[in-house]
């Protein structure tokens, strides 16, 4: 599990195209310190498994599914990437719960600079709209951020100078893709509500969440709460 607090701004040093995957070599002296084969490192919010390490670099294999569902397929030699190691048990949860399982990609729509911060507008895939709420959490390229405005097809985030200087979000321009991971708690709540209402798949569209009234309490419904 990650927290969305980027530890290091790394760089892609090599990309090897395989038959149905890609092998990336990335530079990150901080995150590779003590890393070994089989460890996890989040790259732009995608949890990858370390294959080899050495001289401040590590390699990771990325399968076709991940390349299709994330923006990693657009990386090339010289690309900058956000790097984060998993949170140690007992560590501080500085951002929010981040799995490293990207839900989709968005695109930087526009940037509005201010004196000390910057407002960034990001397009939002329609299937993720219901999980994004004002003042809620969202992960953008592995960075834990607070939603300023949540609309049907976009959301906005405010970036402080530290985020602008130490993550890829300080360099992304309109048209650039970004990885998005919504709050996993929202997805679990939706699934549980779907199961309680008898939905076959356990997932409810927004229209099904209105007009149902309160869910019955197991005890008052005569069910054994065990």
C-alpha atoms as a PDB file:
ATOM      1  CA  UNK A   1       0.000   0.000   0.000  1.00  0.00           C
ATOM      2  CA  UNK A   2       1.144   3.526  -0.807  1.00  0.00           C
ATOM      3  CA  UNK A   3       0.110   6.933   0.473  1.00  0.00           C
ATOM      4  CA  UNK A   4       0.472   9.182  -2.557  1.00  0.00           C
ATOM      5  CA  UNK A   5       3.398  11.110  -1.064  1.00  0.00           C
ATOM      6  CA  UNK A   6       6.034  11.057  -3.815  1.00  0.00           C
ATOM      7  CA  UNK A   7       9.510  10.351  -2.482  1.00  0.00           C
ATOM      8  CA  UNK A   8      11.565  11.030  -5.554  1.00  0.00           C
ATOM      9  CA  UNK A   9      11.353  12.460  -9.053  1.00  0.00           C
ATOM     10  CA  UNK A  10      13.000   9.736 -11.101  1.00  0.00           C
ATOM     11  CA  UNK A  11      13.847   9.273 -14.759  1.00  0.00           C
ATOM     12  CA  UNK A  12      13.380   6.572 -17.381  1.00  0.00           C
ATOM     13  CA  UNK A  13      16.843   5.570 -18.597  1.00  0.00           C
ATOM     14  CA  UNK A  14      15.865   2.783 -21.004  1.00  0.00           C
ATOM     15  CA  UNK A  15      12.788   1.141 -22.536  1.00  0.00           C
ATOM     16  CA  UNK A  16      12.903  -2.339 -24.048  1.00  0.00           C
ATOM     17  CA  UNK A  17       9.911  -3.415 -26.122  1.00  0.00           C
ATOM     18  CA  UNK A  18       9.066  -7.097 -25.605  1.00  0.00           C
ATOM     19  CA  UNK A  19       6.557  -9.261 -27.445  1.00  0.00           C
ATOM     20  CA  UNK A  20       3.608  -8.462 -25.170  1.00  0.00           C
ATOM     21  CA  UNK A  21       5.167  -6.187 -22.565  1.00  0.00           C
ATOM     22  CA  UNK A  22       7.795  -3.507 -21.964  1.00  0.00           C
ATOM     23  CA  UNK A  23      10.808  -3.509 -19.666  1.00  0.00           C
ATOM     24  CA  UNK A  24      11.660  -0.168 -18.096  1.00  0.00           C
ATOM     25  CA  UNK A  25      14.910   0.861 -16.461  1.00  0.00           C
ATOM     26  CA  UNK A  26      14.430   3.777 -14.112  1.00  0.00           C
ATOM     27  CA  UNK A  27      16.804   5.915 -12.083  1.00  0.00           C
ATOM     28  CA  UNK A  28      15.837   6.526  -8.465  1.00  0.00           C
ATOM     29  CA  UNK A  29      18.720   6.436  -5.969  1.00  0.00           C
ATOM     30  CA  UNK A  30      16.451   7.045  -2.974  1.00  0.00           C
ATOM     31  CA  UNK A  31      13.786   4.420  -3.671  1.00  0.00           C
ATOM     32  CA  UNK A  32      16.333   1.814  -4.769  1.00  0.00           C
ATOM     33  CA  UNK A  33      18.347   2.133  -1.557  1.00  0.00           C
ATOM     34  CA  UNK A  34      17.806  -1.272   0.049  1.00  0.00           C
ATOM     35  CA  UNK A  35      15.413  -2.420  -2.679  1.00  0.00           C
ATOM     36  CA  UNK A  36      15.703  -6.004  -3.922  1.00  0.00           C
ATOM     37  CA  UNK A  37      14.141  -8.362  -6.429  1.00  0.00           C
ATOM     38  CA  UNK A  38      10.405  -8.733  -5.805  1.00  0.00           C
ATOM     39  CA  UNK A  39       9.910  -5.428  -3.963  1.00  0.00           C
ATOM     40  CA  UNK A  40       7.264  -2.957  -5.071  1.00  0.00           C
ATOM     41  CA  UNK A  41       7.781   0.617  -6.249  1.00  0.00           C
ATOM     42  CA  UNK A  42       5.017   2.894  -7.535  1.00  0.00           C
ATOM     43  CA  UNK A  43       5.870   4.578 -10.841  1.00  0.00           C
ATOM     44  CA  UNK A  44       3.483   7.428 -11.674  1.00  0.00           C
ATOM     45  CA  UNK A  45       0.983   5.732  -9.395  1.00  0.00           C
ATOM     46  CA  UNK A  46       1.350   2.234 -10.896  1.00  0.00           C
ATOM     47  CA  UNK A  47       2.605  -0.472  -8.551  1.00  0.00           C
ATOM     48  CA  UNK A  48       5.472  -2.282 -10.296  1.00  0.00           C
ATOM     49  CA  UNK A  49       7.638  -5.193  -9.186  1.00  0.00           C
ATOM     50  CA  UNK A  50      11.394  -4.725  -9.053  1.00  0.00           C
ATOM     51  CA  UNK A  51      13.271  -7.188 -11.271  1.00  0.00           C
ATOM     52  CA  UNK A  52      16.851  -5.951 -10.878  1.00  0.00           C
ATOM     53  CA  UNK A  53      18.624  -3.118  -9.062  1.00  0.00           C
ATOM     54  CA  UNK A  54      22.037  -1.548  -9.343  1.00  0.00           C
ATOM     55  CA  UNK A  55      23.818   1.805  -9.326  1.00  0.00           C
ATOM     56  CA  UNK A  56      20.740   3.710  -8.226  1.00  0.00           C
ATOM     57  CA  UNK A  57      18.521   2.179 -10.927  1.00  0.00           C
ATOM     58  CA  UNK A  58      15.954  -0.595 -11.128  1.00  0.00           C
ATOM     59  CA  UNK A  59      14.160  -2.484 -13.868  1.00  0.00           C
ATOM     60  CA  UNK A  60      10.498  -3.459 -13.977  1.00  0.00           C
ATOM     61  CA  UNK A  61       8.399  -5.383 -16.480  1.00  0.00           C
ATOM     62  CA  UNK A  62       5.067  -3.867 -17.508  1.00  0.00           C
ATOM     63  CA  UNK A  63       2.515  -6.177 -19.128  1.00  0.00           C
ATOM     64  CA  UNK A  64       0.259  -5.178 -22.010  1.00  0.00           C
ATOM     65  CA  UNK A  65      -2.804  -4.772 -19.758  1.00  0.00           C
ATOM     66  CA  UNK A  66      -1.021  -2.142 -17.664  1.00  0.00           C
ATOM     67  CA  UNK A  67       0.286  -0.344 -20.739  1.00  0.00           C
ATOM     68  CA  UNK A  68      -3.259  -0.135 -22.116  1.00  0.00           C
ATOM     69  CA  UNK A  69      -4.915   1.011 -18.888  1.00  0.00           C
ATOM     70  CA  UNK A  70      -2.303   3.519 -17.767  1.00  0.00           C
ATOM     71  CA  UNK A  71      -0.120   6.247 -19.231  1.00  0.00           C
ATOM     72  CA  UNK A  72       3.069   4.186 -18.830  1.00  0.00           C
ATOM     73  CA  UNK A  73       2.914   3.268 -22.507  1.00  0.00           C
ATOM     74  CA  UNK A  74       3.704   6.890 -23.341  1.00  0.00           C
ATOM     75  CA  UNK A  75       6.979   6.886 -21.369  1.00  0.00           C
ATOM     76  CA  UNK A  76      10.256   7.120 -23.244  1.00  0.00           C
ATOM     77  CA  UNK A  77      13.915   7.442 -22.361  1.00  0.00           C
ATOM     78  CA  UNK A  78      14.345  10.693 -20.485  1.00  0.00           C
ATOM     79  CA  UNK A  79      10.768  10.851 -19.182  1.00  0.00           C
ATOM     80  CA  UNK A  80      10.452  11.980 -15.588  1.00  0.00           C
ATOM     81  CA  UNK A  81       8.413   9.808 -13.241  1.00  0.00           C
ATOM     82  CA  UNK A  82       7.053   9.978  -9.698  1.00  0.00           C
ATOM     83  CA  UNK A  83       8.481   7.253  -7.448  1.00  0.00           C
ATOM     84  CA  UNK A  84       7.241   5.991  -4.083  1.00  0.00           C
ATOM     85  CA  UNK A  85       8.033   2.934  -1.974  1.00  0.00           C
ATOM     86  CA  UNK A  86       5.241   1.141  -0.092  1.00  0.00           C
ATOM     87  CA  UNK A  87       4.404   2.522   3.337  1.00  0.00           C
ATOM     88  CA  UNK A  88       6.043   0.604   6.173  1.00  0.00           C
ATOM     89  CA  UNK A  89       3.699  -0.885   8.774  1.00  0.00           C
ATOM     90  CA  UNK A  90       3.336   1.688  11.525  1.00  0.00           C
ATOM     91  CA  UNK A  91       4.344   4.568   9.258  1.00  0.00           C
ATOM     92  CA  UNK A  92       2.415   7.813   8.900  1.00  0.00           C
ATOM     93  CA  UNK A  93      -0.392   7.883   6.330  1.00  0.00           C
ATOM     94  CA  UNK A  94       0.576  11.270   4.949  1.00  0.00           C
ATOM     95  CA  UNK A  95      -1.783  11.211   1.971  1.00  0.00           C
ATOM     96  CA  UNK A  96      -4.560   8.628   1.685  1.00  0.00           C
ATOM     97  CA  UNK A  97      -4.822   4.887   0.967  1.00  0.00           C
ATOM     98  CA  UNK A  98      -3.367   4.289  -2.501  1.00  0.00           C
ATOM     99  CA  UNK A  99      -3.198   0.793  -3.975  1.00  0.00           C
ATOM    100  CA  UNK A 100      -1.178   1.520  -7.073  1.00  0.00           C
ATOM    101  CA  UNK A 101      -3.985   0.043  -9.183  1.00  0.00           C
ATOM    102  CA  UNK A 102      -4.824   2.684 -11.784  1.00  0.00           C
ATOM    103  CA  UNK A 103      -8.547   3.047 -12.552  1.00  0.00           C
ATOM    104  CA  UNK A 104      -8.112   5.029 -15.747  1.00  0.00           C
ATOM    105  CA  UNK A 105      -6.358   7.941 -17.360  1.00  0.00           C
ATOM    106  CA  UNK A 106      -7.195  11.604 -17.691  1.00  0.00           C
ATOM    107  CA  UNK A 107      -5.702  14.475 -19.635  1.00  0.00           C
ATOM    108  CA  UNK A 108      -4.428  17.820 -18.452  1.00  0.00           C
ATOM    109  CA  UNK A 109      -6.978  20.286 -19.849  1.00  0.00           C
ATOM    110  CA  UNK A 110      -5.645  23.616 -18.614  1.00  0.00           C
ATOM    111  CA  UNK A 111      -3.400  25.200 -16.010  1.00  0.00           C
ATOM    112  CA  UNK A 112      -4.169  28.466 -14.235  1.00  0.00           C
ATOM    113  CA  UNK A 113      -1.114  29.827 -12.398  1.00  0.00           C
ATOM    114  CA  UNK A 114      -1.315  31.993  -9.306  1.00  0.00           C
ATOM    115  CA  UNK A 115       1.374  33.673  -7.253  1.00  0.00           C
ATOM    116  CA  UNK A 116       1.979  30.753  -4.894  1.00  0.00           C
ATOM    117  CA  UNK A 117      -0.010  27.849  -6.327  1.00  0.00           C
ATOM    118  CA  UNK A 118      -1.558  26.575  -9.539  1.00  0.00           C
ATOM    119  CA  UNK A 119      -5.043  25.330 -10.407  1.00  0.00           C
ATOM    120  CA  UNK A 120      -5.050  22.374 -12.793  1.00  0.00           C
ATOM    121  CA  UNK A 121      -8.074  21.045 -14.676  1.00  0.00           C
ATOM    122  CA  UNK A 122      -8.034  17.322 -15.538  1.00  0.00           C
ATOM    123  CA  UNK A 123     -10.466  15.430 -17.765  1.00  0.00           C
ATOM    124  CA  UNK A 124     -12.367  12.611 -16.060  1.00  0.00           C
ATOM    125  CA  UNK A 125     -13.554   9.347 -17.678  1.00  0.00           C
ATOM    126  CA  UNK A 126     -17.357   9.009 -17.272  1.00  0.00           C
ATOM    127  CA  UNK A 127     -17.077   5.665 -15.451  1.00  0.00           C
ATOM    128  CA  UNK A 128     -15.101   7.352 -12.641  1.00  0.00           C
ATOM    129  CA  UNK A 129     -17.306  10.426 -12.183  1.00  0.00           C
ATOM    130  CA  UNK A 130     -19.363   8.999  -9.318  1.00  0.00           C
ATOM    131  CA  UNK A 131     -16.252   8.291  -7.238  1.00  0.00           C
ATOM    132  CA  UNK A 132     -14.901  11.858  -7.350  1.00  0.00           C
ATOM    133  CA  UNK A 133     -16.342  14.384  -4.897  1.00  0.00           C
ATOM    134  CA  UNK A 134     -15.466  17.913  -3.868  1.00  0.00           C
ATOM    135  CA  UNK A 135     -12.862  17.914  -1.066  1.00  0.00           C
ATOM    136  CA  UNK A 136     -12.387  14.183  -1.522  1.00  0.00           C
ATOM    137  CA  UNK A 137      -9.103  12.454  -2.356  1.00  0.00           C
ATOM    138  CA  UNK A 138      -7.823  11.355  -5.756  1.00  0.00           C
ATOM    139  CA  UNK A 139      -4.449  10.098  -6.938  1.00  0.00           C
ATOM    140  CA  UNK A 140      -3.020  11.776 -10.040  1.00  0.00           C
ATOM    141  CA  UNK A 141       0.182  10.211 -11.392  1.00  0.00           C
ATOM    142  CA  UNK A 142       0.755   8.757  -7.934  1.00  0.00           C
ATOM    143  CA  UNK A 143       0.253  12.059  -6.089  1.00  0.00           C
ATOM    144  CA  UNK A 144      -2.403  12.197  -3.359  1.00  0.00           C
ATOM    145  CA  UNK A 145      -4.461  15.343  -3.969  1.00  0.00           C
ATOM    146  CA  UNK A 146      -7.647  17.010  -2.766  1.00  0.00           C
ATOM    147  CA  UNK A 147     -10.394  17.650  -5.302  1.00  0.00           C
ATOM    148  CA  UNK A 148     -11.314  21.332  -5.566  1.00  0.00           C
ATOM    149  CA  UNK A 149     -14.185  21.022  -8.031  1.00  0.00           C
ATOM    150  CA  UNK A 150     -15.860  17.832  -9.250  1.00  0.00           C
ATOM    151  CA  UNK A 151     -17.830  18.037 -12.502  1.00  0.00           C
ATOM    152  CA  UNK A 152     -19.304  15.386 -14.785  1.00  0.00           C
ATOM    153  CA  UNK A 153     -16.321  15.196 -17.118  1.00  0.00           C
ATOM    154  CA  UNK A 154     -13.495  16.931 -15.265  1.00  0.00           C
ATOM    155  CA  UNK A 155     -12.130  17.849 -11.862  1.00  0.00           C
ATOM    156  CA  UNK A 156      -9.703  20.476 -10.612  1.00  0.00           C
ATOM    157  CA  UNK A 157      -6.818  20.299  -8.165  1.00  0.00           C
ATOM    158  CA  UNK A 158      -4.615  22.939  -6.560  1.00  0.00           C
ATOM    159  CA  UNK A 159      -0.855  22.356  -6.590  1.00  0.00           C
ATOM    160  CA  UNK A 160       1.411  23.943  -3.996  1.00  0.00           C
ATOM    161  CA  UNK A 161       5.016  24.921  -4.818  1.00  0.00           C
ATOM    162  CA  UNK A 162       6.418  21.704  -3.302  1.00  0.00           C
ATOM    163  CA  UNK A 163       4.225  19.537  -5.536  1.00  0.00           C
ATOM    164  CA  UNK A 164       5.089  21.645  -8.572  1.00  0.00           C
ATOM    165  CA  UNK A 165       8.811  21.355  -7.899  1.00  0.00           C
ATOM    166  CA  UNK A 166       9.105  17.741  -6.759  1.00  0.00           C
ATOM    167  CA  UNK A 167       6.632  15.815  -8.949  1.00  0.00           C
ATOM    168  CA  UNK A 168       5.831  15.395 -12.637  1.00  0.00           C
ATOM    169  CA  UNK A 169       2.710  17.524 -12.183  1.00  0.00           C
ATOM    170  CA  UNK A 170       4.902  20.600 -12.223  1.00  0.00           C
ATOM    171  CA  UNK A 171       5.921  19.777 -15.805  1.00  0.00           C
ATOM    172  CA  UNK A 172       2.763  18.291 -17.344  1.00  0.00           C
ATOM    173  CA  UNK A 173       1.201  20.428 -20.066  1.00  0.00           C
ATOM    174  CA  UNK A 174      -2.312  20.532 -21.567  1.00  0.00           C
ATOM    175  CA  UNK A 175      -2.831  17.383 -23.613  1.00  0.00           C
ATOM    176  CA  UNK A 176      -0.511  15.252 -21.478  1.00  0.00           C
ATOM    177  CA  UNK A 177      -2.012  12.038 -20.015  1.00  0.00           C
ATOM    178  CA  UNK A 178      -2.078  11.285 -16.282  1.00  0.00           C
ATOM    179  CA  UNK A 179      -2.920   8.152 -14.310  1.00  0.00           C
ATOM    180  CA  UNK A 180      -5.972   8.310 -12.067  1.00  0.00           C
ATOM    181  CA  UNK A 181      -6.837   6.188  -9.045  1.00  0.00           C
ATOM    182  CA  UNK A 182     -10.026   6.981  -7.165  1.00  0.00           C
ATOM    183  CA  UNK A 183     -10.535   6.417  -3.452  1.00  0.00           C
ATOM    184  CA  UNK A 184     -10.839   2.643  -2.966  1.00  0.00           C
ATOM    185  CA  UNK A 185     -13.175   3.158   0.017  1.00  0.00           C
ATOM    186  CA  UNK A 186     -15.795   4.629  -2.329  1.00  0.00           C
ATOM    187  CA  UNK A 187     -15.638   1.524  -4.517  1.00  0.00           C
ATOM    188  CA  UNK A 188     -16.045  -0.812  -1.547  1.00  0.00           C
ATOM    189  CA  UNK A 189     -19.027   1.180  -0.264  1.00  0.00           C
ATOM    190  CA  UNK A 190     -20.658   0.998  -3.685  1.00  0.00           C
ATOM    191  CA  UNK A 191     -20.126  -2.766  -3.857  1.00  0.00           C
ATOM    192  CA  UNK A 192     -21.558  -3.285  -0.370  1.00  0.00           C
ATOM    193  CA  UNK A 193     -24.621  -1.183  -1.152  1.00  0.00           C
ATOM    194  CA  UNK A 194     -25.122  -3.185  -4.320  1.00  0.00           C
ATOM    195  CA  UNK A 195     -24.947  -6.487  -2.440  1.00  0.00           C
ATOM    196  CA  UNK A 196     -27.415  -5.276   0.198  1.00  0.00           C
ATOM    197  CA  UNK A 197     -29.917  -4.234  -2.462  1.00  0.00           C
ATOM    198  CA  UNK A 198     -29.687  -7.565  -4.288  1.00  0.00           C
ATOM    199  CA  UNK A 199     -27.786  -6.317  -7.305  1.00  0.00           C
ATOM    200  CA  UNK A 200     -26.366  -9.255  -9.242  1.00  0.00           C
ATOM    201  CA  UNK A 201     -23.034  -7.589  -9.876  1.00  0.00           C
ATOM    202  CA  UNK A 202     -22.929  -5.538  -6.700  1.00  0.00           C
ATOM    203  CA  UNK A 203     -22.370  -2.266  -8.576  1.00  0.00           C
ATOM    204  CA  UNK A 204     -24.965   0.463  -8.773  1.00  0.00           C
ATOM    205  CA  UNK A 205     -25.270   3.301 -11.246  1.00  0.00           C
ATOM    206  CA  UNK A 206     -25.899   6.715  -9.754  1.00  0.00           C
ATOM    207  CA  UNK A 207     -29.601   6.547 -10.595  1.00  0.00           C
ATOM    208  CA  UNK A 208     -30.016   3.459  -8.385  1.00  0.00           C
ATOM    209  CA  UNK A 209     -28.625   5.200  -5.317  1.00  0.00           C
ATOM    210  CA  UNK A 210     -31.510   7.638  -5.033  1.00  0.00           C
ATOM    211  CA  UNK A 211     -35.015   7.126  -3.736  1.00  0.00           C
ATOM    212  CA  UNK A 212     -34.315   3.892  -1.893  1.00  0.00           C
ATOM    213  CA  UNK A 213     -34.567   5.249   1.601  1.00  0.00           C
ATOM    214  CA  UNK A 214     -32.445   3.983   4.506  1.00  0.00           C
ATOM    215  CA  UNK A 215     -31.058   0.488   4.357  1.00  0.00           C
ATOM    216  CA  UNK A 216     -32.614  -1.883   6.930  1.00  0.00           C
ATOM    217  CA  UNK A 217     -30.722  -2.684  10.097  1.00  0.00           C
ATOM    218  CA  UNK A 218     -29.896  -6.406  10.253  1.00  0.00           C
ATOM    219  CA  UNK A 219     -31.173  -6.692  13.804  1.00  0.00           C
ATOM    220  CA  UNK A 220     -34.524  -5.035  13.141  1.00  0.00           C
ATOM    221  CA  UNK A 221     -34.924  -7.118  10.003  1.00  0.00           C
ATOM    222  CA  UNK A 222     -34.790 -10.270  12.080  1.00  0.00           C
ATOM    223  CA  UNK A 223     -31.480 -11.460  10.654  1.00  0.00           C
ATOM    224  CA  UNK A 224     -28.678 -12.934  12.686  1.00  0.00           C
ATOM    225  CA  UNK A 225     -25.945 -10.241  12.593  1.00  0.00           C
ATOM    226  CA  UNK A 226     -23.299 -12.949  12.819  1.00  0.00           C
END
